[in-house]
Amino acid sequence: MKVAMRRISLGLSTAIAAAAMTVVLAPAPASAQVVVRWYPYTTAGAKQCNSDANSAGPEYYCTTIKVGSTKMYALARP
């Protein structure tokens, strides 16, 4: 019984590792962005981000990002 459980466990861990490698090696989309500045996820943060994006130029924009479990506004550019 112990040998069978070890074989099942080894088979599952090998399958999980192979699936993880497939995800890691899969090509990622080429839509990288550079975050220039972070703002709090509040109305004031959104207004300040939009104001800074308007004054920075046409290539800058505001977006939302998640750092850990915290949402934030971010001034970004491509």
PDB file of N, CA and C in Angstrom:
ATOM      1  N   MET A   1       0.814  -1.195   0.000  1.00  0.00           N
ATOM      2  CA  MET A   1       0.000   0.000   0.000  1.00  0.00           C
ATOM      3  C   MET A   1       0.862   1.266   0.000  1.00  0.00           C
ATOM      4  N   LYS A   2       1.947   1.259   0.830  1.00  0.00           N
ATOM      5  CA  LYS A   2       2.820   2.426   0.898  1.00  0.00           C
ATOM      6  C   LYS A   2       3.521   2.666  -0.434  1.00  0.00           C
ATOM      7  N   VAL A   3       3.922   1.583  -1.114  1.00  0.00           N
ATOM      8  CA  VAL A   3       4.604   1.716  -2.394  1.00  0.00           C
ATOM      9  C   VAL A   3       3.655   2.308  -3.429  1.00  0.00           C
ATOM     10  N   ALA A   4       2.410   1.864  -3.430  1.00  0.00           N
ATOM     11  CA  ALA A   4       1.425   2.382  -4.381  1.00  0.00           C
ATOM     12  C   ALA A   4       1.164   3.860  -4.137  1.00  0.00           C
ATOM     13  N   MET A   5       1.073   4.271  -2.890  1.00  0.00           N
ATOM     14  CA  MET A   5       0.844   5.676  -2.568  1.00  0.00           C
ATOM     15  C   MET A   5       2.036   6.533  -2.993  1.00  0.00           C
ATOM     16  N   ARG A   6       3.249   6.014  -2.817  1.00  0.00           N
ATOM     17  CA  ARG A   6       4.433   6.757  -3.243  1.00  0.00           C
ATOM     18  C   ARG A   6       4.440   6.938  -4.753  1.00  0.00           C
ATOM     19  N   ARG A   7       4.076   5.883  -5.479  1.00  0.00           N
ATOM     20  CA  ARG A   7       4.052   5.970  -6.940  1.00  0.00           C
ATOM     21  C   ARG A   7       2.991   6.965  -7.416  1.00  0.00           C
ATOM     22  N   ILE A   8       1.828   6.942  -6.788  1.00  0.00           N
ATOM     23  CA  ILE A   8       0.768   7.886  -7.148  1.00  0.00           C
ATOM     24  C   ILE A   8       1.226   9.314  -6.842  1.00  0.00           C
ATOM     25  N   SER A   9       1.825   9.503  -5.674  1.00  0.00           N
ATOM     26  CA  SER A   9       2.303  10.826  -5.281  1.00  0.00           C
ATOM     27  C   SER A   9       3.388  11.319  -6.231  1.00  0.00           C
ATOM     28  N   LEU A  10       4.324  10.453  -6.591  1.00  0.00           N
ATOM     29  CA  LEU A  10       5.385  10.826  -7.517  1.00  0.00           C
ATOM     30  C   LEU A  10       4.814  11.158  -8.894  1.00  0.00           C
ATOM     31  N   GLY A  11       3.836  10.377  -9.347  1.00  0.00           N
ATOM     32  CA  GLY A  11       3.204  10.643 -10.643  1.00  0.00           C
ATOM     33  C   GLY A  11       2.483  11.976 -10.662  1.00  0.00           C
ATOM     34  N   LEU A  12       1.771  12.290  -9.585  1.00  0.00           N
ATOM     35  CA  LEU A  12       1.058  13.562  -9.496  1.00  0.00           C
ATOM     36  C   LEU A  12       2.028  14.733  -9.447  1.00  0.00           C
ATOM     37  N   SER A  13       3.092  14.606  -8.663  1.00  0.00           N
ATOM     38  CA  SER A  13       4.039  15.719  -8.581  1.00  0.00           C
ATOM     39  C   SER A  13       4.754  15.931  -9.906  1.00  0.00           C
ATOM     40  N   THR A  14       5.029  14.865 -10.639  1.00  0.00           N
ATOM     41  CA  THR A  14       5.650  14.998 -11.955  1.00  0.00           C
ATOM     42  C   THR A  14       4.702  15.683 -12.930  1.00  0.00           C
ATOM     43  N   ALA A  15       3.422  15.328 -12.900  1.00  0.00           N
ATOM     44  CA  ALA A  15       2.436  15.953 -13.788  1.00  0.00           C
ATOM     45  C   ALA A  15       2.249  17.428 -13.459  1.00  0.00           C
ATOM     46  N   ILE A  16       2.230  17.756 -12.189  1.00  0.00           N
ATOM     47  CA  ILE A  16       2.072  19.149 -11.769  1.00  0.00           C
ATOM     48  C   ILE A  16       3.294  19.966 -12.187  1.00  0.00           C
ATOM     49  N   ALA A  17       4.474  19.410 -12.012  1.00  0.00           N
ATOM     50  CA  ALA A  17       5.696  20.118 -12.411  1.00  0.00           C
ATOM     51  C   ALA A  17       5.730  20.341 -13.919  1.00  0.00           C
ATOM     52  N   ALA A  18       5.304  19.342 -14.693  1.00  0.00           N
ATOM     53  CA  ALA A  18       5.285  19.485 -16.153  1.00  0.00           C
ATOM     54  C   ALA A  18       4.292  20.554 -16.576  1.00  0.00           C
ATOM     55  N   ALA A  19       3.131  20.595 -15.949  1.00  0.00           N
ATOM     56  CA  ALA A  19       2.133  21.620 -16.266  1.00  0.00           C
ATOM     57  C   ALA A  19       2.645  23.004 -15.899  1.00  0.00           C
ATOM     58  N   ALA A  20       3.333  23.126 -14.781  1.00  0.00           N
ATOM     59  CA  ALA A  20       3.884  24.419 -14.362  1.00  0.00           C
ATOM     60  C   ALA A  20       4.950  24.893 -15.349  1.00  0.00           C
ATOM     61  N   MET A  21       5.776  23.994 -15.819  1.00  0.00           N
ATOM     62  CA  MET A  21       6.799  24.377 -16.795  1.00  0.00           C
ATOM     63  C   MET A  21       6.160  24.819 -18.100  1.00  0.00           C
ATOM     64  N   THR A  22       5.070  24.185 -18.493  1.00  0.00           N
ATOM     65  CA  THR A  22       4.375  24.573 -19.715  1.00  0.00           C
ATOM     66  C   THR A  22       3.856  26.000 -19.590  1.00  0.00           C
ATOM     67  N   VAL A  23       3.311  26.336 -18.429  1.00  0.00           N
ATOM     68  CA  VAL A  23       2.811  27.697 -18.200  1.00  0.00           C
ATOM     69  C   VAL A  23       3.955  28.696 -18.204  1.00  0.00           C
ATOM     70  N   VAL A  24       5.079  28.351 -17.588  1.00  0.00           N
ATOM     71  CA  VAL A  24       6.217  29.258 -17.505  1.00  0.00           C
ATOM     72  C   VAL A  24       6.825  29.483 -18.884  1.00  0.00           C
ATOM     73  N   LEU A  25       6.898  28.440 -19.700  1.00  0.00           N
ATOM     74  CA  LEU A  25       7.540  28.547 -21.003  1.00  0.00           C
ATOM     75  C   LEU A  25       6.625  29.067 -22.101  1.00  0.00           C
ATOM     76  N   ALA A  26       5.336  29.223 -21.805  1.00  0.00           N
ATOM     77  CA  ALA A  26       4.400  29.725 -22.808  1.00  0.00           C
ATOM     78  C   ALA A  26       4.731  31.183 -23.126  1.00  0.00           C
ATOM     79  N   PRO A  27       4.609  31.581 -24.388  1.00  0.00           N
ATOM     80  CA  PRO A  27       4.926  32.966 -24.734  1.00  0.00           C
ATOM     81  C   PRO A  27       3.934  33.938 -24.107  1.00  0.00           C
ATOM     82  N   ALA A  28       4.457  35.033 -23.617  1.00  0.00           N
ATOM     83  CA  ALA A  28       3.625  36.053 -22.983  1.00  0.00           C
ATOM     84  C   ALA A  28       3.260  37.125 -24.008  1.00  0.00           C
ATOM     85  N   PRO A  29       2.141  37.804 -23.807  1.00  0.00           N
ATOM     86  CA  PRO A  29       1.798  38.900 -24.722  1.00  0.00           C
ATOM     87  C   PRO A  29       2.829  40.020 -24.627  1.00  0.00           C
ATOM     88  N   ALA A  30       3.028  40.720 -25.719  1.00  0.00           N
ATOM     89  CA  ALA A  30       4.058  41.750 -25.777  1.00  0.00           C
ATOM     90  C   ALA A  30       3.498  43.130 -25.448  1.00  0.00           C
ATOM     91  N   SER A  31       2.626  43.220 -24.491  1.00  0.00           N
ATOM     92  CA  SER A  31       2.038  44.510 -24.129  1.00  0.00           C
ATOM     93  C   SER A  31       2.584  44.956 -22.772  1.00  0.00           C
ATOM     94  N   ALA A  32       3.861  45.209 -22.722  1.00  0.00           N
ATOM     95  CA  ALA A  32       4.487  45.647 -21.472  1.00  0.00           C
ATOM     96  C   ALA A  32       4.205  47.130 -21.252  1.00  0.00           C
ATOM     97  N   GLN A  33       4.104  47.492 -20.006  1.00  0.00           N
ATOM     98  CA  GLN A  33       3.901  48.891 -19.656  1.00  0.00           C
ATOM     99  C   GLN A  33       4.887  49.258 -18.561  1.00  0.00           C
ATOM    100  N   VAL A  34       5.271  50.511 -18.535  1.00  0.00           N
ATOM    101  CA  VAL A  34       6.177  51.015 -17.519  1.00  0.00           C
ATOM    102  C   VAL A  34       5.365  51.895 -16.582  1.00  0.00           C
ATOM    103  N   VAL A  35       5.331  51.520 -15.316  1.00  0.00           N
ATOM    104  CA  VAL A  35       4.612  52.313 -14.318  1.00  0.00           C
ATOM    105  C   VAL A  35       5.535  53.424 -13.857  1.00  0.00           C
ATOM    106  N   VAL A  36       5.084  54.661 -14.031  1.00  0.00           N
ATOM    107  CA  VAL A  36       5.883  55.828 -13.682  1.00  0.00           C
ATOM    108  C   VAL A  36       5.619  56.261 -12.241  1.00  0.00           C
ATOM    109  N   ARG A  37       4.352  56.193 -11.832  1.00  0.00           N
ATOM    110  CA  ARG A  37       3.982  56.643 -10.482  1.00  0.00           C
ATOM    111  C   ARG A  37       2.726  55.918 -10.024  1.00  0.00           C
ATOM    112  N   TRP A  38       2.625  55.667  -8.727  1.00  0.00           N
ATOM    113  CA  TRP A  38       1.450  55.016  -8.132  1.00  0.00           C
ATOM    114  C   TRP A  38       0.640  56.039  -7.366  1.00  0.00           C
ATOM    115  N   TYR A  39      -0.688  55.798  -7.324  1.00  0.00           N
ATOM    116  CA  TYR A  39      -1.616  56.659  -6.588  1.00  0.00           C
ATOM    117  C   TYR A  39      -2.551  55.774  -5.777  1.00  0.00           C
ATOM    118  N   PRO A  40      -3.083  56.295  -4.678  1.00  0.00           N
ATOM    119  CA  PRO A  40      -4.037  55.489  -3.899  1.00  0.00           C
ATOM    120  C   PRO A  40      -5.316  55.235  -4.708  1.00  0.00           C
ATOM    121  N   TYR A  41      -5.973  54.140  -4.402  1.00  0.00           N
ATOM    122  CA  TYR A  41      -7.200  53.766  -5.107  1.00  0.00           C
ATOM    123  C   TYR A  41      -8.385  54.502  -4.473  1.00  0.00           C
ATOM    124  N   THR A  42      -8.381  55.822  -4.644  1.00  0.00           N
ATOM    125  CA  THR A  42      -9.439  56.689  -4.130  1.00  0.00           C
ATOM    126  C   THR A  42      -9.839  57.654  -5.236  1.00  0.00           C
ATOM    127  N   THR A  43     -10.885  58.419  -4.997  1.00  0.00           N
ATOM    128  CA  THR A  43     -11.302  59.423  -5.977  1.00  0.00           C
ATOM    129  C   THR A  43     -10.209  60.466  -6.177  1.00  0.00           C
ATOM    130  N   ALA A  44      -9.573  60.880  -5.095  1.00  0.00           N
ATOM    131  CA  ALA A  44      -8.481  61.854  -5.197  1.00  0.00           C
ATOM    132  C   ALA A  44      -7.300  61.270  -5.973  1.00  0.00           C
ATOM    133  N   GLY A  45      -7.009  59.999  -5.755  1.00  0.00           N
ATOM    134  CA  GLY A  45      -5.925  59.354  -6.488  1.00  0.00           C
ATOM    135  C   GLY A  45      -6.212  59.284  -7.977  1.00  0.00           C
ATOM    136  N   ALA A  46      -7.465  58.993  -8.351  1.00  0.00           N
ATOM    137  CA  ALA A  46      -7.856  58.930  -9.763  1.00  0.00           C
ATOM    138  C   ALA A  46      -7.752  60.306 -10.414  1.00  0.00           C
ATOM    139  N   LYS A  47      -8.213  61.325  -9.711  1.00  0.00           N
ATOM    140  CA  LYS A  47      -8.144  62.692 -10.260  1.00  0.00           C
ATOM    141  C   LYS A  47      -6.697  63.130 -10.453  1.00  0.00           C
ATOM    142  N   GLN A  48      -5.839  62.844  -9.485  1.00  0.00           N
ATOM    143  CA  GLN A  48      -4.438  63.237  -9.589  1.00  0.00           C
ATOM    144  C   GLN A  48      -3.733  62.467 -10.710  1.00  0.00           C
ATOM    145  N   CYS A  49      -4.043  61.195 -10.847  1.00  0.00           N
ATOM    146  CA  CYS A  49      -3.453  60.388 -11.918  1.00  0.00           C
ATOM    147  C   CYS A  49      -3.859  60.934 -13.288  1.00  0.00           C
ATOM    148  N   ASN A  50      -5.143  61.227 -13.467  1.00  0.00           N
ATOM    149  CA  ASN A  50      -5.609  61.782 -14.744  1.00  0.00           C
ATOM    150  C   ASN A  50      -4.991  63.142 -15.020  1.00  0.00           C
ATOM    151  N   SER A  51      -4.863  63.970 -14.014  1.00  0.00           N
ATOM    152  CA  SER A  51      -4.249  65.280 -14.179  1.00  0.00           C
ATOM    153  C   SER A  51      -2.790  65.139 -14.614  1.00  0.00           C
ATOM    154  N   ASP A  52      -2.057  64.250 -13.958  1.00  0.00           N
ATOM    155  CA  ASP A  52      -0.657  64.035 -14.310  1.00  0.00           C
ATOM    156  C   ASP A  52      -0.507  63.425 -15.707  1.00  0.00           C
ATOM    157  N   ALA A  53      -1.421  62.538 -16.086  1.00  0.00           N
ATOM    158  CA  ALA A  53      -1.376  61.938 -17.427  1.00  0.00           C
ATOM    159  C   ALA A  53      -1.634  62.990 -18.499  1.00  0.00           C
ATOM    160  N   ASN A  54      -2.569  63.889 -18.241  1.00  0.00           N
ATOM    161  CA  ASN A  54      -2.859  64.954 -19.209  1.00  0.00           C
ATOM    162  C   ASN A  54      -1.682  65.904 -19.372  1.00  0.00           C
ATOM    163  N   SER A  55      -0.988  66.197 -18.292  1.00  0.00           N
ATOM    164  CA  SER A  55       0.146  67.120 -18.394  1.00  0.00           C
ATOM    165  C   SER A  55       1.425  66.431 -18.872  1.00  0.00           C
ATOM    166  N   ALA A  56       1.508  65.113 -18.764  1.00  0.00           N
ATOM    167  CA  ALA A  56       2.728  64.398 -19.153  1.00  0.00           C
ATOM    168  C   ALA A  56       2.849  64.207 -20.658  1.00  0.00           C
ATOM    169  N   GLY A  57       1.735  64.087 -21.351  1.00  0.00           N
ATOM    170  CA  GLY A  57       1.808  63.909 -22.800  1.00  0.00           C
ATOM    171  C   GLY A  57       0.906  62.786 -23.283  1.00  0.00           C
ATOM    172  N   PRO A  58       0.804  62.656 -24.602  1.00  0.00           N
ATOM    173  CA  PRO A  58      -0.152  61.703 -25.165  1.00  0.00           C
ATOM    174  C   PRO A  58       0.197  60.232 -24.958  1.00  0.00           C
ATOM    175  N   GLU A  59       1.470  59.910 -24.681  1.00  0.00           N
ATOM    176  CA  GLU A  59       1.825  58.507 -24.510  1.00  0.00           C
ATOM    177  C   GLU A  59       1.583  58.002 -23.092  1.00  0.00           C
ATOM    178  N   TYR A  60       1.247  58.883 -22.171  1.00  0.00           N
ATOM    179  CA  TYR A  60       0.982  58.489 -20.784  1.00  0.00           C
ATOM    180  C   TYR A  60      -0.505  58.279 -20.567  1.00  0.00           C
ATOM    181  N   TYR A  61      -0.838  57.325 -19.689  1.00  0.00           N
ATOM    182  CA  TYR A  61      -2.238  57.026 -19.389  1.00  0.00           C
ATOM    183  C   TYR A  61      -2.359  56.499 -17.962  1.00  0.00           C
ATOM    184  N   CYS A  62      -3.571  56.532 -17.437  1.00  0.00           N
ATOM    185  CA  CYS A  62      -3.850  55.987 -16.112  1.00  0.00           C
ATOM    186  C   CYS A  62      -4.444  54.604 -16.248  1.00  0.00           C
ATOM    187  N   THR A  63      -4.079  53.741 -15.341  1.00  0.00           N
ATOM    188  CA  THR A  63      -4.599  52.389 -15.321  1.00  0.00           C
ATOM    189  C   THR A  63      -4.709  51.942 -13.870  1.00  0.00           C
ATOM    190  N   THR A  64      -5.354  50.830 -13.646  1.00  0.00           N
ATOM    191  CA  THR A  64      -5.388  50.263 -12.302  1.00  0.00           C
ATOM    192  C   THR A  64      -4.469  49.058 -12.278  1.00  0.00           C
ATOM    193  N   ILE A  65      -3.757  48.903 -11.175  1.00  0.00           N
ATOM    194  CA  ILE A  65      -2.887  47.757 -10.985  1.00  0.00           C
ATOM    195  C   ILE A  65      -3.177  47.163  -9.612  1.00  0.00           C
ATOM    196  N   LYS A  66      -2.760  45.937  -9.429  1.00  0.00           N
ATOM    197  CA  LYS A  66      -2.946  45.275  -8.148  1.00  0.00           C
ATOM    198  C   LYS A  66      -1.579  44.842  -7.641  1.00  0.00           C
ATOM    199  N   VAL A  67      -1.196  45.340  -6.488  1.00  0.00           N
ATOM    200  CA  VAL A  67       0.057  44.984  -5.848  1.00  0.00           C
ATOM    201  C   VAL A  67      -0.299  44.160  -4.629  1.00  0.00           C
ATOM    202  N   GLY A  68      -0.014  42.878  -4.697  1.00  0.00           N
ATOM    203  CA  GLY A  68      -0.465  41.977  -3.646  1.00  0.00           C
ATOM    204  C   GLY A  68      -1.979  41.909  -3.693  1.00  0.00           C
ATOM    205  N   SER A  69      -2.628  42.347  -2.658  1.00  0.00           N
ATOM    206  CA  SER A  69      -4.098  42.381  -2.648  1.00  0.00           C
ATOM    207  C   SER A  69      -4.622  43.822  -2.653  1.00  0.00           C
ATOM    208  N   THR A  70      -3.738  44.793  -2.882  1.00  0.00           N
ATOM    209  CA  THR A  70      -4.115  46.202  -2.851  1.00  0.00           C
ATOM    210  C   THR A  70      -4.223  46.764  -4.261  1.00  0.00           C
ATOM    211  N   LYS A  71      -5.375  47.351  -4.597  1.00  0.00           N
ATOM    212  CA  LYS A  71      -5.544  48.017  -5.889  1.00  0.00           C
ATOM    213  C   LYS A  71      -5.030  49.431  -5.793  1.00  0.00           C
ATOM    214  N   MET A  72      -4.425  49.892  -6.908  1.00  0.00           N
ATOM    215  CA  MET A  72      -3.887  51.240  -6.977  1.00  0.00           C
ATOM    216  C   MET A  72      -4.109  51.785  -8.383  1.00  0.00           C
ATOM    217  N   TYR A  73      -4.101  53.108  -8.489  1.00  0.00           N
ATOM    218  CA  TYR A  73      -4.047  53.743  -9.806  1.00  0.00           C
ATOM    219  C   TYR A  73      -2.566  53.922 -10.129  1.00  0.00           C
ATOM    220  N   ALA A  74      -2.256  53.862 -11.425  1.00  0.00           N
ATOM    221  CA  ALA A  74      -0.869  54.018 -11.832  1.00  0.00           C
ATOM    222  C   ALA A  74      -0.795  54.861 -13.092  1.00  0.00           C
ATOM    223  N   LEU A  75       0.159  55.773 -13.120  1.00  0.00           N
ATOM    224  CA  LEU A  75       0.492  56.528 -14.318  1.00  0.00           C
ATOM    225  C   LEU A  75       1.493  55.650 -15.063  1.00  0.00           C
ATOM    226  N   ALA A  76       1.155  55.313 -16.316  1.00  0.00           N
ATOM    227  CA  ALA A  76       1.984  54.377 -17.063  1.00  0.00           C
ATOM    228  C   ALA A  76       2.202  54.867 -18.495  1.00  0.00           C
ATOM    229  N   ARG A  77       3.159  54.227 -19.154  1.00  0.00           N
ATOM    230  CA  ARG A  77       3.401  54.473 -20.574  1.00  0.00           C
ATOM    231  C   ARG A  77       3.798  53.135 -21.192  1.00  0.00           C
ATOM    232  N   PRO A  78       3.609  53.016 -22.504  1.00  0.00           N
ATOM    233  CA  PRO A  78       3.961  51.736 -23.159  1.00  0.00           C
ATOM    234  C   PRO A  78       5.463  51.502 -23.210  1.00  0.00           C
TER     235      PRO A  78
END
